[in-house]
Amino acid sequence: MDFKEIMQHKNIDFTGMEESYFLLGLLSAFDNRFQAVADRLIGEISWKQFFAIICINLCKESPSLKELADIMGGSHQNTKQILLKLEKKGFVSITPDPDDKRKQRISLTEQCLQFCAENDEQSTLAINTMFHNIPNEQLRITIQTIMQMEENLKNLYGE
């Protein structure tokens, strides 16, 4: 489906809109829809909480709050709120860094690891369904595009 077919399919007048603007809108709308579906599928915790768990799990060692906020692409305050909710549910532990008491380190608990193991099959099925009929080459191009957009965004604010 090309750009014009997409515009007609959505029954919205995108006449004159640059593809870059359309892509940003599409990404935002997808994020909203995905979050709603993921929240329903996961149930016990929100998608943002589950995303925090995924990001913690990707780290070689327990990340600091600042490191996790950077990985998640969120603010320190929003990340802290997500973690406090996860801590309340027994999914993470937040402890002072042994070398720098000003930093807090985030670790997944056994309860969280058990939750992830119990939901792994459902998560795999959801991901496989969502990416059905999308060739790996398209995925690689999409990943490269979004990573370049991320780099350009950093340059916009001189980071």
N, C-alpha and C. Protein backbone atom coordinates (compact mmCIF):
# COMPACT_ATOMS: atom_id res chain seq x y z
N MET A 1 0.84 -1.17 0.00
CA MET A 1 0.00 0.00 0.00
C MET A 1 0.90 1.24 0.00
N ASP A 2 0.70 2.16 -0.96
CA ASP A 2 1.52 3.37 -0.98
C ASP A 2 0.85 4.46 -0.14
N PHE A 3 1.51 5.61 -0.07
CA PHE A 3 1.07 6.71 0.77
C PHE A 3 -0.35 7.16 0.42
N LYS A 4 -0.65 7.32 -0.86
CA LYS A 4 -1.98 7.78 -1.26
C LYS A 4 -3.06 6.77 -0.90
N GLU A 5 -2.77 5.47 -1.05
CA GLU A 5 -3.74 4.44 -0.68
C GLU A 5 -3.99 4.46 0.84
N ILE A 6 -2.93 4.70 1.59
CA ILE A 6 -3.07 4.77 3.05
C ILE A 6 -3.99 5.94 3.40
N MET A 7 -3.77 7.07 2.75
CA MET A 7 -4.61 8.25 3.02
C MET A 7 -6.08 7.96 2.70
N GLN A 8 -6.34 7.31 1.58
CA GLN A 8 -7.71 6.99 1.21
C GLN A 8 -8.32 5.98 2.18
N HIS A 9 -7.51 5.00 2.57
CA HIS A 9 -7.97 3.94 3.47
C HIS A 9 -8.42 4.51 4.82
N LYS A 10 -7.74 5.51 5.31
CA LYS A 10 -8.05 6.11 6.62
C LYS A 10 -9.22 7.08 6.55
N ASN A 11 -9.69 7.40 5.33
CA ASN A 11 -10.83 8.29 5.13
C ASN A 11 -10.59 9.66 5.78
N ILE A 12 -9.35 10.12 5.71
CA ILE A 12 -8.96 11.41 6.26
C ILE A 12 -8.24 12.17 5.14
N ASP A 13 -8.43 13.47 5.08
CA ASP A 13 -7.81 14.27 4.04
C ASP A 13 -6.40 14.69 4.46
N PHE A 14 -5.42 13.97 3.94
CA PHE A 14 -4.03 14.28 4.20
C PHE A 14 -3.40 15.03 3.03
N THR A 15 -4.23 15.56 2.13
CA THR A 15 -3.74 16.24 0.95
C THR A 15 -2.75 17.33 1.34
N GLY A 16 -1.61 17.30 0.72
CA GLY A 16 -0.59 18.31 0.97
C GLY A 16 0.29 18.02 2.19
N MET A 17 -0.03 17.02 2.95
CA MET A 17 0.78 16.71 4.13
C MET A 17 2.03 15.95 3.71
N GLU A 18 3.16 16.38 4.21
CA GLU A 18 4.40 15.67 3.91
C GLU A 18 4.38 14.31 4.59
N GLU A 19 5.07 13.35 3.97
CA GLU A 19 5.11 12.00 4.52
C GLU A 19 5.74 11.97 5.91
N SER A 20 6.70 12.85 6.19
CA SER A 20 7.33 12.86 7.51
C SER A 20 6.32 13.22 8.59
N TYR A 21 5.43 14.18 8.31
CA TYR A 21 4.39 14.54 9.28
C TYR A 21 3.40 13.38 9.45
N PHE A 22 3.06 12.76 8.34
CA PHE A 22 2.15 11.63 8.39
C PHE A 22 2.75 10.51 9.24
N LEU A 23 4.03 10.24 9.06
CA LEU A 23 4.70 9.19 9.83
C LEU A 23 4.67 9.51 11.32
N LEU A 24 4.95 10.74 11.70
CA LEU A 24 4.91 11.10 13.12
C LEU A 24 3.52 10.90 13.70
N GLY A 25 2.50 11.30 12.95
CA GLY A 25 1.13 11.09 13.41
C GLY A 25 0.80 9.62 13.52
N LEU A 26 1.23 8.86 12.53
CA LEU A 26 0.99 7.42 12.51
C LEU A 26 1.66 6.74 13.71
N LEU A 27 2.90 7.14 14.01
CA LEU A 27 3.63 6.57 15.16
C LEU A 27 2.91 6.91 16.47
N SER A 28 2.43 8.13 16.59
CA SER A 28 1.72 8.54 17.82
C SER A 28 0.42 7.77 17.98
N ALA A 29 -0.34 7.67 16.89
CA ALA A 29 -1.61 6.93 16.95
C ALA A 29 -1.36 5.45 17.25
N PHE A 30 -0.33 4.88 16.63
CA PHE A 30 0.00 3.48 16.89
C PHE A 30 0.37 3.29 18.35
N ASP A 31 1.17 4.19 18.89
CA ASP A 31 1.59 4.08 20.29
C ASP A 31 0.37 4.06 21.20
N ASN A 32 -0.60 4.93 20.94
CA ASN A 32 -1.82 4.96 21.76
C ASN A 32 -2.60 3.65 21.64
N ARG A 33 -2.76 3.17 20.42
CA ARG A 33 -3.52 1.93 20.21
C ARG A 33 -2.80 0.73 20.82
N PHE A 34 -1.49 0.68 20.61
CA PHE A 34 -0.70 -0.43 21.15
C PHE A 34 -0.79 -0.45 22.67
N GLN A 35 -0.65 0.72 23.29
CA GLN A 35 -0.69 0.79 24.75
C GLN A 35 -2.03 0.29 25.28
N ALA A 36 -3.12 0.66 24.62
CA ALA A 36 -4.45 0.22 25.05
C ALA A 36 -4.58 -1.30 24.94
N VAL A 37 -4.14 -1.87 23.82
CA VAL A 37 -4.21 -3.32 23.63
C VAL A 37 -3.30 -4.04 24.62
N ALA A 38 -2.09 -3.54 24.78
CA ALA A 38 -1.12 -4.18 25.69
C ALA A 38 -1.62 -4.13 27.13
N ASP A 39 -2.20 -3.01 27.52
CA ASP A 39 -2.75 -2.91 28.88
C ASP A 39 -3.81 -3.99 29.12
N ARG A 40 -4.65 -4.22 28.12
CA ARG A 40 -5.69 -5.26 28.25
C ARG A 40 -5.08 -6.66 28.28
N LEU A 41 -4.08 -6.89 27.44
CA LEU A 41 -3.47 -8.22 27.37
C LEU A 41 -2.71 -8.57 28.64
N ILE A 42 -1.96 -7.61 29.15
CA ILE A 42 -1.11 -7.88 30.31
C ILE A 42 -1.95 -7.98 31.57
N GLY A 43 -2.89 -7.06 31.74
CA GLY A 43 -3.84 -7.14 32.84
C GLY A 43 -3.32 -6.68 34.18
N GLU A 44 -2.45 -7.44 34.78
CA GLU A 44 -2.01 -7.17 36.16
C GLU A 44 -1.22 -5.87 36.29
N ILE A 45 -0.47 -5.53 35.26
CA ILE A 45 0.31 -4.30 35.25
C ILE A 45 0.08 -3.58 33.92
N SER A 46 0.43 -2.32 33.86
CA SER A 46 0.24 -1.55 32.63
C SER A 46 1.38 -1.84 31.65
N TRP A 47 1.16 -1.45 30.38
CA TRP A 47 2.21 -1.61 29.38
C TRP A 47 3.45 -0.83 29.79
N LYS A 48 3.30 0.39 30.31
CA LYS A 48 4.47 1.19 30.69
C LYS A 48 5.24 0.51 31.80
N GLN A 49 4.53 -0.12 32.72
CA GLN A 49 5.21 -0.86 33.78
C GLN A 49 5.93 -2.08 33.21
N PHE A 50 5.28 -2.76 32.28
CA PHE A 50 5.91 -3.93 31.64
C PHE A 50 7.12 -3.49 30.81
N PHE A 51 7.02 -2.35 30.14
CA PHE A 51 8.15 -1.82 29.37
C PHE A 51 9.33 -1.52 30.29
N ALA A 52 9.06 -0.99 31.47
CA ALA A 52 10.13 -0.74 32.44
C ALA A 52 10.82 -2.06 32.82
N ILE A 53 10.03 -3.10 33.02
CA ILE A 53 10.58 -4.42 33.34
C ILE A 53 11.47 -4.92 32.21
N ILE A 54 10.99 -4.77 30.97
CA ILE A 54 11.77 -5.19 29.81
C ILE A 54 13.10 -4.44 29.78
N CYS A 55 13.06 -3.14 30.01
CA CYS A 55 14.28 -2.32 29.97
C CYS A 55 15.25 -2.70 31.09
N ILE A 56 14.73 -2.96 32.28
CA ILE A 56 15.58 -3.40 33.40
C ILE A 56 16.24 -4.72 33.04
N ASN A 57 15.46 -5.62 32.46
CA ASN A 57 15.95 -6.95 32.09
C ASN A 57 17.05 -6.88 31.02
N LEU A 58 17.02 -5.85 30.18
CA LEU A 58 18.03 -5.70 29.13
C LEU A 58 19.39 -5.27 29.67
N CYS A 59 19.39 -4.68 30.85
CA CYS A 59 20.63 -4.16 31.44
C CYS A 59 21.50 -5.30 31.97
N LYS A 60 22.80 -5.16 31.79
CA LYS A 60 23.73 -6.19 32.27
C LYS A 60 23.79 -6.22 33.79
N GLU A 61 23.61 -5.05 34.41
CA GLU A 61 23.54 -4.97 35.86
C GLU A 61 22.40 -4.04 36.24
N SER A 62 22.02 -4.04 37.48
CA SER A 62 20.89 -3.23 37.93
C SER A 62 21.11 -1.77 37.56
N PRO A 63 20.18 -1.21 36.76
CA PRO A 63 20.37 0.18 36.35
C PRO A 63 20.02 1.15 37.48
N SER A 64 20.58 2.35 37.38
CA SER A 64 20.16 3.41 38.28
C SER A 64 18.86 3.98 37.74
N LEU A 65 18.20 4.76 38.55
CA LEU A 65 16.95 5.40 38.12
C LEU A 65 17.20 6.27 36.89
N LYS A 66 18.29 7.03 36.90
CA LYS A 66 18.63 7.90 35.77
C LYS A 66 18.90 7.07 34.51
N GLU A 67 19.66 6.00 34.65
CA GLU A 67 19.96 5.14 33.49
C GLU A 67 18.68 4.55 32.91
N LEU A 68 17.79 4.09 33.78
CA LEU A 68 16.54 3.50 33.31
C LEU A 68 15.67 4.54 32.61
N ALA A 69 15.60 5.75 33.16
CA ALA A 69 14.83 6.83 32.52
C ALA A 69 15.37 7.11 31.13
N ASP A 70 16.69 7.12 30.98
CA ASP A 70 17.31 7.34 29.67
C ASP A 70 16.96 6.22 28.69
N ILE A 71 17.02 4.99 29.14
CA ILE A 71 16.71 3.84 28.29
C ILE A 71 15.25 3.88 27.85
N MET A 72 14.37 4.23 28.79
CA MET A 72 12.93 4.26 28.50
C MET A 72 12.52 5.49 27.71
N GLY A 73 13.39 6.50 27.67
CA GLY A 73 13.06 7.72 26.96
C GLY A 73 12.07 8.59 27.71
N GLY A 74 12.07 8.48 29.02
CA GLY A 74 11.14 9.24 29.84
C GLY A 74 11.86 10.11 30.84
N SER A 75 11.09 10.88 31.57
CA SER A 75 11.68 11.74 32.59
C SER A 75 11.99 10.93 33.85
N HIS A 76 12.84 11.49 34.68
CA HIS A 76 13.20 10.88 35.96
C HIS A 76 11.93 10.71 36.81
N GLN A 77 11.07 11.74 36.83
CA GLN A 77 9.86 11.72 37.65
C GLN A 77 8.88 10.65 37.19
N ASN A 78 8.63 10.57 35.88
CA ASN A 78 7.69 9.56 35.36
C ASN A 78 8.20 8.15 35.60
N THR A 79 9.50 7.96 35.38
CA THR A 79 10.10 6.64 35.60
C THR A 79 9.99 6.26 37.06
N LYS A 80 10.22 7.20 37.95
CA LYS A 80 10.13 6.94 39.39
C LYS A 80 8.70 6.51 39.76
N GLN A 81 7.70 7.18 39.20
CA GLN A 81 6.30 6.84 39.49
C GLN A 81 5.98 5.41 39.03
N ILE A 82 6.45 5.06 37.85
CA ILE A 82 6.25 3.70 37.33
C ILE A 82 6.90 2.68 38.26
N LEU A 83 8.12 2.98 38.70
CA LEU A 83 8.86 2.06 39.57
C LEU A 83 8.22 1.93 40.95
N LEU A 84 7.70 3.02 41.47
CA LEU A 84 7.04 2.95 42.78
C LEU A 84 5.81 2.05 42.73
N LYS A 85 5.07 2.11 41.62
CA LYS A 85 3.92 1.22 41.46
C LYS A 85 4.37 -0.23 41.34
N LEU A 86 5.45 -0.46 40.61
CA LEU A 86 5.98 -1.83 40.48
C LEU A 86 6.52 -2.33 41.81
N GLU A 87 7.14 -1.45 42.57
CA GLU A 87 7.67 -1.84 43.89
C GLU A 87 6.51 -2.21 44.82
N LYS A 88 5.44 -1.44 44.77
CA LYS A 88 4.26 -1.71 45.60
C LYS A 88 3.68 -3.09 45.29
N LYS A 89 3.74 -3.49 44.01
CA LYS A 89 3.22 -4.80 43.59
C LYS A 89 4.23 -5.92 43.81
N GLY A 90 5.43 -5.58 44.28
CA GLY A 90 6.45 -6.58 44.55
C GLY A 90 7.24 -7.02 43.33
N PHE A 91 7.22 -6.22 42.27
CA PHE A 91 7.90 -6.60 41.02
C PHE A 91 9.34 -6.09 40.92
N VAL A 92 9.65 -5.00 41.63
CA VAL A 92 11.01 -4.48 41.62
C VAL A 92 11.43 -4.12 43.04
N SER A 93 12.74 -4.09 43.22
CA SER A 93 13.27 -3.54 44.48
C SER A 93 14.13 -2.34 44.11
N ILE A 94 14.00 -1.30 44.90
CA ILE A 94 14.76 -0.07 44.70
C ILE A 94 15.67 0.07 45.91
N THR A 95 16.98 -0.01 45.67
CA THR A 95 17.94 0.03 46.76
C THR A 95 19.04 1.05 46.47
N PRO A 96 19.63 1.60 47.54
CA PRO A 96 20.73 2.55 47.33
C PRO A 96 21.93 1.86 46.69
N ASP A 97 22.61 2.59 45.81
CA ASP A 97 23.84 2.08 45.19
C ASP A 97 24.90 1.94 46.27
N PRO A 98 25.59 0.79 46.33
CA PRO A 98 26.58 0.60 47.40
C PRO A 98 27.73 1.60 47.33
N ASP A 99 28.06 2.09 46.14
CA ASP A 99 29.19 3.01 45.97
C ASP A 99 28.79 4.48 46.04
N ASP A 100 27.54 4.78 45.76
CA ASP A 100 27.06 6.16 45.75
C ASP A 100 25.62 6.18 46.28
N LYS A 101 25.47 6.49 47.54
CA LYS A 101 24.16 6.42 48.21
C LYS A 101 23.13 7.37 47.60
N ARG A 102 23.56 8.36 46.79
CA ARG A 102 22.61 9.26 46.15
C ARG A 102 21.87 8.57 45.01
N LYS A 103 22.48 7.53 44.44
CA LYS A 103 21.86 6.78 43.34
C LYS A 103 21.01 5.65 43.90
N GLN A 104 19.97 5.32 43.15
CA GLN A 104 19.14 4.17 43.49
C GLN A 104 19.27 3.14 42.37
N ARG A 105 19.44 1.89 42.73
CA ARG A 105 19.54 0.80 41.77
C ARG A 105 18.22 0.03 41.74
N ILE A 106 17.85 -0.40 40.54
CA ILE A 106 16.57 -1.08 40.34
C ILE A 106 16.84 -2.53 39.99
N SER A 107 16.19 -3.44 40.69
CA SER A 107 16.31 -4.87 40.43
C SER A 107 14.94 -5.51 40.32
N LEU A 108 14.85 -6.54 39.48
CA LEU A 108 13.63 -7.31 39.36
C LEU A 108 13.58 -8.33 40.48
N THR A 109 12.40 -8.57 41.01
CA THR A 109 12.23 -9.54 42.09
C THR A 109 11.91 -10.92 41.51
N GLU A 110 11.95 -11.92 42.35
CA GLU A 110 11.56 -13.28 41.95
C GLU A 110 10.11 -13.30 41.49
N GLN A 111 9.27 -12.55 42.18
CA GLN A 111 7.85 -12.47 41.81
C GLN A 111 7.71 -11.94 40.38
N CYS A 112 8.50 -10.96 40.03
CA CYS A 112 8.45 -10.38 38.68
C CYS A 112 8.93 -11.40 37.64
N LEU A 113 10.03 -12.07 37.95
CA LEU A 113 10.57 -13.06 37.02
C LEU A 113 9.57 -14.20 36.79
N GLN A 114 8.87 -14.58 37.85
CA GLN A 114 7.83 -15.62 37.74
C GLN A 114 6.68 -15.11 36.87
N PHE A 115 6.26 -13.86 37.08
CA PHE A 115 5.19 -13.25 36.28
C PHE A 115 5.58 -13.25 34.80
N CYS A 116 6.83 -12.87 34.51
CA CYS A 116 7.30 -12.83 33.12
C CYS A 116 7.31 -14.23 32.51
N ALA A 117 7.75 -15.21 33.26
CA ALA A 117 7.78 -16.58 32.76
C ALA A 117 6.36 -17.08 32.47
N GLU A 118 5.43 -16.76 33.36
CA GLU A 118 4.04 -17.20 33.18
C GLU A 118 3.37 -16.54 31.99
N ASN A 119 3.82 -15.35 31.62
CA ASN A 119 3.21 -14.60 30.53
C ASN A 119 4.02 -14.61 29.24
N ASP A 120 5.12 -15.35 29.23
CA ASP A 120 6.00 -15.37 28.06
C ASP A 120 5.31 -15.89 26.80
N GLU A 121 4.55 -16.96 26.94
CA GLU A 121 3.87 -17.56 25.78
C GLU A 121 2.87 -16.58 25.17
N GLN A 122 2.09 -15.92 26.02
CA GLN A 122 1.10 -14.95 25.54
C GLN A 122 1.79 -13.76 24.88
N SER A 123 2.90 -13.30 25.46
CA SER A 123 3.65 -12.18 24.88
C SER A 123 4.20 -12.54 23.52
N THR A 124 4.75 -13.73 23.40
CA THR A 124 5.31 -14.20 22.13
C THR A 124 4.22 -14.29 21.08
N LEU A 125 3.08 -14.81 21.44
CA LEU A 125 1.95 -14.91 20.51
C LEU A 125 1.51 -13.52 20.04
N ALA A 126 1.41 -12.57 20.96
CA ALA A 126 0.99 -11.21 20.61
C ALA A 126 2.00 -10.55 19.67
N ILE A 127 3.27 -10.70 19.96
CA ILE A 127 4.31 -10.11 19.09
C ILE A 127 4.29 -10.76 17.72
N ASN A 128 4.19 -12.08 17.68
CA ASN A 128 4.15 -12.79 16.39
C ASN A 128 2.93 -12.37 15.57
N THR A 129 1.80 -12.17 16.23
CA THR A 129 0.59 -11.74 15.54
C THR A 129 0.77 -10.32 14.99
N MET A 130 1.32 -9.45 15.79
CA MET A 130 1.49 -8.06 15.38
C MET A 130 2.45 -7.92 14.20
N PHE A 131 3.48 -8.74 14.16
CA PHE A 131 4.48 -8.63 13.10
C PHE A 131 4.28 -9.64 11.98
N HIS A 132 3.13 -10.31 11.97
CA HIS A 132 2.80 -11.28 10.93
C HIS A 132 2.86 -10.63 9.55
N ASN A 133 3.46 -11.30 8.60
CA ASN A 133 3.57 -10.84 7.21
C ASN A 133 4.42 -9.59 7.03
N ILE A 134 5.26 -9.26 7.98
CA ILE A 134 6.20 -8.16 7.82
C ILE A 134 7.59 -8.76 7.67
N PRO A 135 8.18 -8.64 6.48
CA PRO A 135 9.50 -9.24 6.26
C PRO A 135 10.58 -8.60 7.14
N ASN A 136 11.59 -9.39 7.48
CA ASN A 136 12.69 -8.92 8.32
C ASN A 136 13.36 -7.68 7.74
N GLU A 137 13.45 -7.61 6.43
CA GLU A 137 14.10 -6.45 5.80
C GLU A 137 13.31 -5.17 6.11
N GLN A 138 11.98 -5.25 6.08
CA GLN A 138 11.17 -4.08 6.44
C GLN A 138 11.37 -3.71 7.91
N LEU A 139 11.47 -4.70 8.75
CA LEU A 139 11.73 -4.43 10.17
C LEU A 139 13.07 -3.73 10.36
N ARG A 140 14.10 -4.23 9.68
CA ARG A 140 15.43 -3.61 9.78
C ARG A 140 15.40 -2.16 9.30
N ILE A 141 14.72 -1.89 8.20
CA ILE A 141 14.63 -0.52 7.68
C ILE A 141 13.88 0.37 8.66
N THR A 142 12.81 -0.15 9.24
CA THR A 142 12.03 0.63 10.21
C THR A 142 12.88 0.93 11.44
N ILE A 143 13.60 -0.05 11.92
CA ILE A 143 14.49 0.15 13.08
C ILE A 143 15.54 1.20 12.76
N GLN A 144 16.18 1.09 11.60
CA GLN A 144 17.20 2.07 11.20
C GLN A 144 16.60 3.47 11.10
N THR A 145 15.40 3.57 10.53
CA THR A 145 14.75 4.87 10.38
C THR A 145 14.46 5.50 11.74
N ILE A 146 13.89 4.73 12.64
CA ILE A 146 13.54 5.28 13.95
C ILE A 146 14.81 5.61 14.75
N MET A 147 15.84 4.82 14.62
CA MET A 147 17.10 5.13 15.31
C MET A 147 17.70 6.43 14.76
N GLN A 148 17.61 6.64 13.45
CA GLN A 148 18.11 7.89 12.87
C GLN A 148 17.26 9.07 13.33
N MET A 149 15.95 8.86 13.39
CA MET A 149 15.06 9.91 13.91
C MET A 149 15.43 10.26 15.35
N GLU A 150 15.73 9.26 16.15
CA GLU A 150 16.14 9.46 17.54
C GLU A 150 17.43 10.27 17.61
N GLU A 151 18.38 9.93 16.78
CA GLU A 151 19.65 10.66 16.73
C GLU A 151 19.41 12.12 16.32
N ASN A 152 18.57 12.32 15.31
CA ASN A 152 18.26 13.67 14.86
C ASN A 152 17.54 14.47 15.94
N LEU A 153 16.69 13.80 16.69
CA LEU A 153 15.98 14.46 17.79
C LEU A 153 16.97 14.93 18.85
N LYS A 154 17.95 14.09 19.16
CA LYS A 154 18.99 14.48 20.12
C LYS A 154 19.75 15.69 19.63
N ASN A 155 20.06 15.72 18.33
CA ASN A 155 20.80 16.84 17.75
C ASN A 155 19.97 18.13 17.79
N LEU A 156 18.66 18.00 17.72
CA LEU A 156 17.77 19.16 17.75
C LEU A 156 17.94 19.95 19.03
N TYR A 157 18.17 19.25 20.13
CA TYR A 157 18.33 19.91 21.43
C TYR A 157 19.77 19.89 21.92
N GLY A 158 20.70 19.58 21.03
CA GLY A 158 22.12 19.66 21.38
C GLY A 158 22.58 18.65 22.40
N GLU A 159 21.92 17.53 22.47
CA GLU A 159 22.33 16.48 23.43
C GLU A 159 23.53 15.72 22.91
